[in-house]
Amino acid sequence: MFDGIPVLDYSAPTLVGITVILLLLGYIVPRKTLNDKAKECKEWKDAYEKERDSRILAAAQTTELLELAKTTHEILDAAFNAPGRHRSPPGGPSVVPMAK
């Protein structure tokens, strides 16, 4: 890593100065900071996975509710638009659009 750099020729204060500069610039981080960032990363990942699972569940519920609404619409349409009654034209004011 330090090939070609005469590290042993530098004095102790120079090496300490280089270390402090690297620490201040963020190239060297304390272990506590690294562990805190790893913990924060894990918390965000868990939150993302939980939210993703919630969205999948919500999408499944929405599909199920739409199917229930279509069924209810068909029942109400059949009950209130008996053969002798006026039926709304296709594309008219329907609650749920009919599949084509």
PDB file of N, CA and C in Angstrom:
ATOM      1  N   MET A   1       0.813  -1.179   0.000  1.00  0.00           N
ATOM      2  CA  MET A   1       0.000   0.000   0.000  1.00  0.00           C
ATOM      3  C   MET A   1       0.867   1.257   0.000  1.00  0.00           C
ATOM      4  N   PHE A   2       1.938   1.213   0.742  1.00  0.00           N
ATOM      5  CA  PHE A   2       2.818   2.374   0.840  1.00  0.00           C
ATOM      6  C   PHE A   2       4.103   2.174   0.044  1.00  0.00           C
ATOM      7  N   ASP A   3       4.046   1.384  -1.010  1.00  0.00           N
ATOM      8  CA  ASP A   3       5.243   1.153  -1.814  1.00  0.00           C
ATOM      9  C   ASP A   3       5.705   2.468  -2.441  1.00  0.00           C
ATOM     10  N   GLY A   4       6.957   2.750  -2.305  1.00  0.00           N
ATOM     11  CA  GLY A   4       7.526   3.942  -2.900  1.00  0.00           C
ATOM     12  C   GLY A   4       7.396   5.187  -2.032  1.00  0.00           C
ATOM     13  N   ILE A   5       6.718   5.093  -0.897  1.00  0.00           N
ATOM     14  CA  ILE A   5       6.574   6.233   0.010  1.00  0.00           C
ATOM     15  C   ILE A   5       7.499   5.993   1.202  1.00  0.00           C
ATOM     16  N   PRO A   6       8.447   6.863   1.424  1.00  0.00           N
ATOM     17  CA  PRO A   6       9.393   6.661   2.522  1.00  0.00           C
ATOM     18  C   PRO A   6       8.779   7.044   3.875  1.00  0.00           C
ATOM     19  N   VAL A   7       7.891   6.168   4.395  1.00  0.00           N
ATOM     20  CA  VAL A   7       7.168   6.451   5.633  1.00  0.00           C
ATOM     21  C   VAL A   7       8.135   6.524   6.811  1.00  0.00           C
ATOM     22  N   LEU A   8       9.160   5.704   6.811  1.00  0.00           N
ATOM     23  CA  LEU A   8      10.089   5.673   7.939  1.00  0.00           C
ATOM     24  C   LEU A   8      10.960   6.918   8.014  1.00  0.00           C
ATOM     25  N   ASP A   9      11.044   7.660   6.926  1.00  0.00           N
ATOM     26  CA  ASP A   9      11.859   8.880   6.919  1.00  0.00           C
ATOM     27  C   ASP A   9      11.133  10.070   7.544  1.00  0.00           C
ATOM     28  N   TYR A  10       9.820   9.978   7.721  1.00  0.00           N
ATOM     29  CA  TYR A  10       9.064  11.078   8.313  1.00  0.00           C
ATOM     30  C   TYR A  10       9.183  11.039   9.826  1.00  0.00           C
ATOM     31  N   SER A  11       9.106  12.199  10.435  1.00  0.00           N
ATOM     32  CA  SER A  11       9.187  12.269  11.899  1.00  0.00           C
ATOM     33  C   SER A  11       7.821  11.934  12.503  1.00  0.00           C
ATOM     34  N   ALA A  12       7.796  11.680  13.793  1.00  0.00           N
ATOM     35  CA  ALA A  12       6.551  11.320  14.484  1.00  0.00           C
ATOM     36  C   ALA A  12       5.503  12.428  14.392  1.00  0.00           C
ATOM     37  N   PRO A  13       5.856  13.700  14.597  1.00  0.00           N
ATOM     38  CA  PRO A  13       4.823  14.742  14.466  1.00  0.00           C
ATOM     39  C   PRO A  13       4.237  14.825  13.055  1.00  0.00           C
ATOM     40  N   THR A  14       5.024  14.543  12.043  1.00  0.00           N
ATOM     41  CA  THR A  14       4.514  14.559  10.670  1.00  0.00           C
ATOM     42  C   THR A  14       3.499  13.438  10.472  1.00  0.00           C
ATOM     43  N   LEU A  15       3.827  12.247  10.971  1.00  0.00           N
ATOM     44  CA  LEU A  15       2.899  11.116  10.844  1.00  0.00           C
ATOM     45  C   LEU A  15       1.613  11.369  11.636  1.00  0.00           C
ATOM     46  N   VAL A  16       1.740  11.969  12.818  1.00  0.00           N
ATOM     47  CA  VAL A  16       0.550  12.307  13.605  1.00  0.00           C
ATOM     48  C   VAL A  16      -0.277  13.357  12.858  1.00  0.00           C
ATOM     49  N   GLY A  17       0.376  14.318  12.261  1.00  0.00           N
ATOM     50  CA  GLY A  17      -0.330  15.345  11.488  1.00  0.00           C
ATOM     51  C   GLY A  17      -1.069  14.744  10.314  1.00  0.00           C
ATOM     52  N   ILE A  18      -0.422  13.827   9.605  1.00  0.00           N
ATOM     53  CA  ILE A  18      -1.077  13.156   8.466  1.00  0.00           C
ATOM     54  C   ILE A  18      -2.279  12.363   8.963  1.00  0.00           C
ATOM     55  N   THR A  19      -2.128  11.686  10.098  1.00  0.00           N
ATOM     56  CA  THR A  19      -3.234  10.904  10.666  1.00  0.00           C
ATOM     57  C   THR A  19      -4.402  11.817  11.049  1.00  0.00           C
ATOM     58  N   VAL A  20      -4.113  12.952  11.662  1.00  0.00           N
ATOM     59  CA  VAL A  20      -5.167  13.894  12.047  1.00  0.00           C
ATOM     60  C   VAL A  20      -5.871  14.441  10.809  1.00  0.00           C
ATOM     61  N   ILE A  21      -5.119  14.768   9.790  1.00  0.00           N
ATOM     62  CA  ILE A  21      -5.728  15.267   8.546  1.00  0.00           C
ATOM     63  C   ILE A  21      -6.632  14.204   7.928  1.00  0.00           C
ATOM     64  N   LEU A  22      -6.158  12.964   7.886  1.00  0.00           N
ATOM     65  CA  LEU A  22      -6.984  11.882   7.347  1.00  0.00           C
ATOM     66  C   LEU A  22      -8.245  11.679   8.191  1.00  0.00           C
ATOM     67  N   LEU A  23      -8.117  11.834   9.508  1.00  0.00           N
ATOM     68  CA  LEU A  23      -9.268  11.707  10.397  1.00  0.00           C
ATOM     69  C   LEU A  23     -10.267  12.833  10.153  1.00  0.00           C
ATOM     70  N   LEU A  24      -9.781  14.052  10.023  1.00  0.00           N
ATOM     71  CA  LEU A  24     -10.661  15.199   9.796  1.00  0.00           C
ATOM     72  C   LEU A  24     -11.338  15.147   8.424  1.00  0.00           C
ATOM     73  N   LEU A  25     -10.655  14.627   7.438  1.00  0.00           N
ATOM     74  CA  LEU A  25     -11.237  14.518   6.099  1.00  0.00           C
ATOM     75  C   LEU A  25     -12.203  13.337   5.971  1.00  0.00           C
ATOM     76  N   GLY A  26     -12.207  12.457   6.963  1.00  0.00           N
ATOM     77  CA  GLY A  26     -13.151  11.347   6.952  1.00  0.00           C
ATOM     78  C   GLY A  26     -12.625  10.079   6.328  1.00  0.00           C
ATOM     79  N   TYR A  27     -11.346  10.037   6.020  1.00  0.00           N
ATOM     80  CA  TYR A  27     -10.781   8.806   5.467  1.00  0.00           C
ATOM     81  C   TYR A  27     -10.561   7.763   6.556  1.00  0.00           C
ATOM     82  N   ILE A  28     -10.406   8.218   7.790  1.00  0.00           N
ATOM     83  CA  ILE A  28     -10.285   7.338   8.943  1.00  0.00           C
ATOM     84  C   ILE A  28     -11.461   7.680   9.855  1.00  0.00           C
ATOM     85  N   VAL A  29     -12.260   6.677  10.239  1.00  0.00           N
ATOM     86  CA  VAL A  29     -13.402   6.922  11.115  1.00  0.00           C
ATOM     87  C   VAL A  29     -13.271   6.075  12.374  1.00  0.00           C
ATOM     88  N   PRO A  30     -13.750   6.577  13.491  1.00  0.00           N
ATOM     89  CA  PRO A  30     -13.735   5.785  14.719  1.00  0.00           C
ATOM     90  C   PRO A  30     -14.668   4.580  14.608  1.00  0.00           C
ATOM     91  N   ARG A  31     -14.362   3.544  15.355  1.00  0.00           N
ATOM     92  CA  ARG A  31     -15.157   2.316  15.312  1.00  0.00           C
ATOM     93  C   ARG A  31     -16.601   2.584  15.729  1.00  0.00           C
ATOM     94  N   LYS A  32     -16.822   3.440  16.713  1.00  0.00           N
ATOM     95  CA  LYS A  32     -18.174   3.749  17.174  1.00  0.00           C
ATOM     96  C   LYS A  32     -18.990   4.364  16.046  1.00  0.00           C
ATOM     97  N   THR A  33     -18.400   5.266  15.309  1.00  0.00           N
ATOM     98  CA  THR A  33     -19.103   5.887  14.178  1.00  0.00           C
ATOM     99  C   THR A  33     -19.451   4.846  13.122  1.00  0.00           C
ATOM    100  N   LEU A  34     -18.513   3.966  12.857  1.00  0.00           N
ATOM    101  CA  LEU A  34     -18.751   2.912  11.870  1.00  0.00           C
ATOM    102  C   LEU A  34     -19.869   1.985  12.327  1.00  0.00           C
ATOM    103  N   ASN A  35     -19.862   1.606  13.613  1.00  0.00           N
ATOM    104  CA  ASN A  35     -20.917   0.740  14.142  1.00  0.00           C
ATOM    105  C   ASN A  35     -22.273   1.444  14.145  1.00  0.00           C
ATOM    106  N   ASP A  36     -22.270   2.750  14.465  1.00  0.00           N
ATOM    107  CA  ASP A  36     -23.525   3.508  14.443  1.00  0.00           C
ATOM    108  C   ASP A  36     -24.099   3.565  13.032  1.00  0.00           C
ATOM    109  N   LYS A  37     -23.246   3.781  12.049  1.00  0.00           N
ATOM    110  CA  LYS A  37     -23.710   3.840  10.655  1.00  0.00           C
ATOM    111  C   LYS A  37     -24.237   2.476  10.199  1.00  0.00           C
ATOM    112  N   ALA A  38     -23.568   1.404  10.625  1.00  0.00           N
ATOM    113  CA  ALA A  38     -24.032   0.063  10.262  1.00  0.00           C
ATOM    114  C   ALA A  38     -25.402  -0.215  10.889  1.00  0.00           C
ATOM    115  N   LYS A  39     -25.585   0.220  12.149  1.00  0.00           N
ATOM    116  CA  LYS A  39     -26.861   0.029  12.827  1.00  0.00           C
ATOM    117  C   LYS A  39     -27.958   0.845  12.132  1.00  0.00           C
ATOM    118  N   GLU A  40     -27.655   2.084  11.771  1.00  0.00           N
ATOM    119  CA  GLU A  40     -28.614   2.936  11.083  1.00  0.00           C
ATOM    120  C   GLU A  40     -28.987   2.343   9.717  1.00  0.00           C
ATOM    121  N   CYS A  41     -28.006   1.811   9.034  1.00  0.00           N
ATOM    122  CA  CYS A  41     -28.251   1.181   7.728  1.00  0.00           C
ATOM    123  C   CYS A  41     -29.203  -0.008   7.882  1.00  0.00           C
ATOM    124  N   LYS A  42     -28.983  -0.818   8.910  1.00  0.00           N
ATOM    125  CA  LYS A  42     -29.843  -1.978   9.156  1.00  0.00           C
ATOM    126  C   LYS A  42     -31.263  -1.531   9.490  1.00  0.00           C
ATOM    127  N   GLU A  43     -31.403  -0.463  10.295  1.00  0.00           N
ATOM    128  CA  GLU A  43     -32.733   0.043  10.636  1.00  0.00           C
ATOM    129  C   GLU A  43     -33.473   0.534   9.396  1.00  0.00           C
ATOM    130  N   TRP A  44     -32.771   1.259   8.516  1.00  0.00           N
ATOM    131  CA  TRP A  44     -33.407   1.747   7.287  1.00  0.00           C
ATOM    132  C   TRP A  44     -33.795   0.588   6.370  1.00  0.00           C
ATOM    133  N   LYS A  45     -32.943  -0.429   6.309  1.00  0.00           N
ATOM    134  CA  LYS A  45     -33.240  -1.588   5.471  1.00  0.00           C
ATOM    135  C   LYS A  45     -34.466  -2.324   6.001  1.00  0.00           C
ATOM    136  N   ASP A  46     -34.545  -2.498   7.326  1.00  0.00           N
ATOM    137  CA  ASP A  46     -35.707  -3.153   7.922  1.00  0.00           C
ATOM    138  C   ASP A  46     -36.974  -2.346   7.672  1.00  0.00           C
ATOM    139  N   ALA A  47     -36.879  -1.021   7.810  1.00  0.00           N
ATOM    140  CA  ALA A  47     -38.043  -0.157   7.569  1.00  0.00           C
ATOM    141  C   ALA A  47     -38.486  -0.254   6.110  1.00  0.00           C
ATOM    142  N   TYR A  48     -37.523  -0.300   5.187  1.00  0.00           N
ATOM    143  CA  TYR A  48     -37.853  -0.424   3.760  1.00  0.00           C
ATOM    144  C   TYR A  48     -38.570  -1.746   3.490  1.00  0.00           C
ATOM    145  N   GLU A  49     -38.051  -2.832   4.060  1.00  0.00           N
ATOM    146  CA  GLU A  49     -38.668  -4.137   3.821  1.00  0.00           C
ATOM    147  C   GLU A  49     -40.071  -4.198   4.418  1.00  0.00           C
ATOM    148  N   LYS A  50     -40.252  -3.604   5.589  1.00  0.00           N
ATOM    149  CA  LYS A  50     -41.563  -3.574   6.222  1.00  0.00           C
ATOM    150  C   LYS A  50     -42.548  -2.775   5.375  1.00  0.00           C
ATOM    151  N   GLU A  51     -42.101  -1.622   4.863  1.00  0.00           N
ATOM    152  CA  GLU A  51     -42.961  -0.786   4.026  1.00  0.00           C
ATOM    153  C   GLU A  51     -43.295  -1.491   2.717  1.00  0.00           C
ATOM    154  N   ARG A  52     -42.317  -2.201   2.146  1.00  0.00           N
ATOM    155  CA  ARG A  52     -42.547  -2.935   0.894  1.00  0.00           C
ATOM    156  C   ARG A  52     -43.596  -4.029   1.106  1.00  0.00           C
ATOM    157  N   ASP A  53     -43.487  -4.753   2.231  1.00  0.00           N
ATOM    158  CA  ASP A  53     -44.470  -5.794   2.529  1.00  0.00           C
ATOM    159  C   ASP A  53     -45.860  -5.187   2.731  1.00  0.00           C
ATOM    160  N   SER A  54     -45.913  -4.008   3.356  1.00  0.00           N
ATOM    161  CA  SER A  54     -47.195  -3.329   3.553  1.00  0.00           C
ATOM    162  C   SER A  54     -47.807  -2.929   2.221  1.00  0.00           C
ATOM    163  N   ARG A  55     -46.985  -2.452   1.301  1.00  0.00           N
ATOM    164  CA  ARG A  55     -47.503  -2.071  -0.025  1.00  0.00           C
ATOM    165  C   ARG A  55     -48.016  -3.287  -0.792  1.00  0.00           C
ATOM    166  N   ILE A  56     -47.329  -4.415  -0.681  1.00  0.00           N
ATOM    167  CA  ILE A  56     -47.782  -5.637  -1.355  1.00  0.00           C
ATOM    168  C   ILE A  56     -49.126  -6.067  -0.784  1.00  0.00           C
ATOM    169  N   LEU A  57     -49.250  -6.007   0.548  1.00  0.00           N
ATOM    170  CA  LEU A  57     -50.515  -6.363   1.192  1.00  0.00           C
ATOM    171  C   LEU A  57     -51.632  -5.404   0.786  1.00  0.00           C
ATOM    172  N   ALA A  58     -51.326  -4.111   0.728  1.00  0.00           N
ATOM    173  CA  ALA A  58     -52.329  -3.119   0.326  1.00  0.00           C
ATOM    174  C   ALA A  58     -52.762  -3.336  -1.125  1.00  0.00           C
ATOM    175  N   ALA A  59     -51.827  -3.674  -1.990  1.00  0.00           N
ATOM    176  CA  ALA A  59     -52.175  -3.928  -3.396  1.00  0.00           C
ATOM    177  C   ALA A  59     -53.076  -5.156  -3.509  1.00  0.00           C
ATOM    178  N   ALA A  60     -52.786  -6.185  -2.725  1.00  0.00           N
ATOM    179  CA  ALA A  60     -53.627  -7.386  -2.752  1.00  0.00           C
ATOM    180  C   ALA A  60     -55.028  -7.072  -2.224  1.00  0.00           C
ATOM    181  N   GLN A  61     -55.104  -6.267  -1.169  1.00  0.00           N
ATOM    182  CA  GLN A  61     -56.409  -5.888  -0.626  1.00  0.00           C
ATOM    183  C   GLN A  61     -57.186  -5.027  -1.612  1.00  0.00           C
ATOM    184  N   THR A  62     -56.500  -4.137  -2.302  1.00  0.00           N
ATOM    185  CA  THR A  62     -57.167  -3.283  -3.287  1.00  0.00           C
ATOM    186  C   THR A  62     -57.756  -4.127  -4.413  1.00  0.00           C
ATOM    187  N   THR A  63     -57.010  -5.109  -4.877  1.00  0.00           N
ATOM    188  CA  THR A  63     -57.506  -6.001  -5.926  1.00  0.00           C
ATOM    189  C   THR A  63     -58.738  -6.751  -5.439  1.00  0.00           C
ATOM    190  N   GLU A  64     -58.664  -7.235  -4.211  1.00  0.00           N
ATOM    191  CA  GLU A  64     -59.792  -7.978  -3.648  1.00  0.00           C
ATOM    192  C   GLU A  64     -61.016  -7.070  -3.481  1.00  0.00           C
ATOM    193  N   LEU A  65     -60.790  -5.834  -3.029  1.00  0.00           N
ATOM    194  CA  LEU A  65     -61.906  -4.896  -2.855  1.00  0.00           C
ATOM    195  C   LEU A  65     -62.524  -4.497  -4.192  1.00  0.00           C
ATOM    196  N   LEU A  66     -61.704  -4.353  -5.220  1.00  0.00           N
ATOM    197  CA  LEU A  66     -62.253  -4.033  -6.542  1.00  0.00           C
ATOM    198  C   LEU A  66     -63.113  -5.175  -7.069  1.00  0.00           C
ATOM    199  N   GLU A  67     -62.680  -6.395  -6.836  1.00  0.00           N
ATOM    200  CA  GLU A  67     -63.461  -7.555  -7.262  1.00  0.00           C
ATOM    201  C   GLU A  67     -64.783  -7.606  -6.501  1.00  0.00           C
ATOM    202  N   LEU A  68     -64.747  -7.296  -5.217  1.00  0.00           N
ATOM    203  CA  LEU A  68     -65.963  -7.252  -4.414  1.00  0.00           C
ATOM    204  C   LEU A  68     -66.893  -6.141  -4.898  1.00  0.00           C
ATOM    205  N   ALA A  69     -66.348  -4.994  -5.249  1.00  0.00           N
ATOM    206  CA  ALA A  69     -67.163  -3.887  -5.759  1.00  0.00           C
ATOM    207  C   ALA A  69     -67.818  -4.264  -7.086  1.00  0.00           C
ATOM    208  N   LYS A  70     -67.108  -4.965  -7.950  1.00  0.00           N
ATOM    209  CA  LYS A  70     -67.691  -5.402  -9.226  1.00  0.00           C
ATOM    210  C   LYS A  70     -68.850  -6.359  -8.978  1.00  0.00           C
ATOM    211  N   THR A  71     -68.652  -7.294  -8.044  1.00  0.00           N
ATOM    212  CA  THR A  71     -69.703  -8.257  -7.730  1.00  0.00           C
ATOM    213  C   THR A  71     -70.924  -7.542  -7.152  1.00  0.00           C
ATOM    214  N   THR A  72     -70.687  -6.636  -6.214  1.00  0.00           N
ATOM    215  CA  THR A  72     -71.791  -5.881  -5.619  1.00  0.00           C
ATOM    216  C   THR A  72     -72.512  -5.056  -6.675  1.00  0.00           C
ATOM    217  N   HIS A  73     -71.763  -4.452  -7.575  1.00  0.00           N
ATOM    218  CA  HIS A  73     -72.365  -3.659  -8.650  1.00  0.00           C
ATOM    219  C   HIS A  73     -73.257  -4.539  -9.528  1.00  0.00           C
ATOM    220  N   GLU A  74     -72.792  -5.721  -9.846  1.00  0.00           N
ATOM    221  CA  GLU A  74     -73.593  -6.629 -10.675  1.00  0.00           C
ATOM    222  C   GLU A  74     -74.879  -7.023  -9.959  1.00  0.00           C
ATOM    223  N   ILE A  75     -74.797  -7.292  -8.664  1.00  0.00           N
ATOM    224  CA  ILE A  75     -75.995  -7.675  -7.903  1.00  0.00           C
ATOM    225  C   ILE A  75     -76.989  -6.510  -7.866  1.00  0.00           C
ATOM    226  N   LEU A  76     -76.500  -5.317  -7.548  1.00  0.00           N
ATOM    227  CA  LEU A  76     -77.391  -4.158  -7.497  1.00  0.00           C
ATOM    228  C   LEU A  76     -77.939  -3.807  -8.874  1.00  0.00           C
ATOM    229  N   ASP A  77     -77.137  -3.946  -9.887  1.00  0.00           N
ATOM    230  CA  ASP A  77     -77.581  -3.668 -11.245  1.00  0.00           C
ATOM    231  C   ASP A  77     -78.677  -4.647 -11.646  1.00  0.00           C
ATOM    232  N   ALA A  78     -78.507  -5.918 -11.294  1.00  0.00           N
ATOM    233  CA  ALA A  78     -79.516  -6.920 -11.627  1.00  0.00           C
ATOM    234  C   ALA A  78     -80.792  -6.699 -10.820  1.00  0.00           C
ATOM    235  N   ALA A  79     -80.660  -6.255  -9.564  1.00  0.00           N
ATOM    236  CA  ALA A  79     -81.842  -6.065  -8.716  1.00  0.00           C
ATOM    237  C   ALA A  79     -82.639  -4.833  -9.125  1.00  0.00           C
ATOM    238  N   PHE A  80     -81.975  -3.748  -9.422  1.00  0.00           N
ATOM    239  CA  PHE A  80     -82.688  -2.511  -9.704  1.00  0.00           C
ATOM    240  C   PHE A  80     -82.982  -2.282 -11.183  1.00  0.00           C
ATOM    241  N   ASN A  81     -82.310  -2.968 -12.043  1.00  0.00           N
ATOM    242  CA  ASN A  81     -82.563  -2.843 -13.471  1.00  0.00           C
ATOM    243  C   ASN A  81     -83.151  -4.148 -13.992  1.00  0.00           C
ATOM    244  N   ALA A  82     -84.312  -4.478 -13.468  1.00  0.00           N
ATOM    245  CA  ALA A  82     -84.997  -5.701 -13.879  1.00  0.00           C
ATOM    246  C   ALA A  82     -85.355  -5.595 -15.365  1.00  0.00           C
ATOM    247  N   PRO A  83     -85.752  -6.702 -16.005  1.00  0.00           N
ATOM    248  CA  PRO A  83     -86.025  -6.670 -17.447  1.00  0.00           C
ATOM    249  C   PRO A  83     -87.041  -5.615 -17.869  1.00  0.00           C
ATOM    250  N   GLY A  84     -87.979  -5.256 -17.044  1.00  0.00           N
ATOM    251  CA  GLY A  84     -88.981  -4.277 -17.433  1.00  0.00           C
ATOM    252  C   GLY A  84     -88.542  -2.845 -17.179  1.00  0.00           C
ATOM    253  N   ARG A  85     -87.420  -2.646 -16.554  1.00  0.00           N
ATOM    254  CA  ARG A  85     -86.971  -1.299 -16.202  1.00  0.00           C
ATOM    255  C   ARG A  85     -85.944  -0.794 -17.213  1.00  0.00           C
ATOM    256  N   HIS A  86     -85.743   0.503 -17.186  1.00  0.00           N
ATOM    257  CA  HIS A  86     -84.760   1.122 -18.067  1.00  0.00           C
ATOM    258  C   HIS A  86     -83.348   0.832 -17.558  1.00  0.00           C
ATOM    259  N   ARG A  87     -82.492   0.363 -18.422  1.00  0.00           N
ATOM    260  CA  ARG A  87     -81.107   0.056 -18.036  1.00  0.00           C
ATOM    261  C   ARG A  87     -80.193   1.134 -18.597  1.00  0.00           C
ATOM    262  N   SER A  88     -79.206   1.538 -17.800  1.00  0.00           N
ATOM    263  CA  SER A  88     -78.304   2.589 -18.268  1.00  0.00           C
ATOM    264  C   SER A  88     -77.458   2.064 -19.424  1.00  0.00           C
ATOM    265  N   PRO A  89     -77.188   2.917 -20.413  1.00  0.00           N
ATOM    266  CA  PRO A  89     -76.408   2.469 -21.574  1.00  0.00           C
ATOM    267  C   PRO A  89     -74.957   2.174 -21.178  1.00  0.00           C
ATOM    268  N   PRO A  90     -74.279   1.358 -21.972  1.00  0.00           N
ATOM    269  CA  PRO A  90     -72.867   1.093 -21.669  1.00  0.00           C
ATOM    270  C   PRO A  90     -72.080   2.402 -21.684  1.00  0.00           C
ATOM    271  N   GLY A  91     -71.215   2.540 -20.728  1.00  0.00           N
ATOM    272  CA  GLY A  91     -70.429   3.773 -20.624  1.00  0.00           C
ATOM    273  C   GLY A  91     -71.172   4.853 -19.877  1.00  0.00           C
ATOM    274  N   GLY A  92     -72.381   4.518 -19.386  1.00  0.00           N
ATOM    275  CA  GLY A  92     -73.172   5.481 -18.627  1.00  0.00           C
ATOM    276  C   GLY A  92     -72.630   5.609 -17.201  1.00  0.00           C
ATOM    277  N   PRO A  93     -73.443   6.213 -16.342  1.00  0.00           N
ATOM    278  CA  PRO A  93     -72.983   6.435 -14.971  1.00  0.00           C
ATOM    279  C   PRO A  93     -72.942   5.150 -14.172  1.00  0.00           C
ATOM    280  N   SER A  94     -71.884   4.404 -14.258  1.00  0.00           N
ATOM    281  CA  SER A  94     -71.714   3.165 -13.515  1.00  0.00           C
ATOM    282  C   SER A  94     -70.730   3.402 -12.367  1.00  0.00           C
ATOM    283  N   VAL A  95     -70.881   2.585 -11.359  1.00  0.00           N
ATOM    284  CA  VAL A  95     -69.954   2.669 -10.235  1.00  0.00           C
ATOM    285  C   VAL A  95     -68.619   2.057 -10.636  1.00  0.00           C
ATOM    286  N   VAL A  96     -68.668   0.912 -11.253  1.00  0.00           N
ATOM    287  CA  VAL A  96     -67.455   0.194 -11.659  1.00  0.00           C
ATOM    288  C   VAL A  96     -67.559  -0.091 -13.153  1.00  0.00           C
ATOM    289  N   PRO A  97     -66.572   0.273 -13.936  1.00  0.00           N
ATOM    290  CA  PRO A  97     -66.631  -0.003 -15.376  1.00  0.00           C
ATOM    291  C   PRO A  97     -66.616  -1.503 -15.633  1.00  0.00           C
ATOM    292  N   MET A  98     -67.373  -1.901 -16.618  1.00  0.00           N
ATOM    293  CA  MET A  98     -67.482  -3.317 -16.968  1.00  0.00           C
ATOM    294  C   MET A  98     -66.268  -3.754 -17.776  1.00  0.00           C
ATOM    295  N   ALA A  99     -65.820  -4.979 -17.516  1.00  0.00           N
ATOM    296  CA  ALA A  99     -64.696  -5.534 -18.281  1.00  0.00           C
ATOM    297  C   ALA A  99     -65.173  -5.843 -19.694  1.00  0.00           C
ATOM    298  N   LYS A 100     -64.311  -5.587 -20.665  1.00  0.00           N
ATOM    299  CA  LYS A 100     -64.698  -5.815 -22.053  1.00  0.00           C
ATOM    300  C   LYS A 100     -63.923  -6.965 -22.630  1.00  0.00           C
TER     301      LYS A 100
END
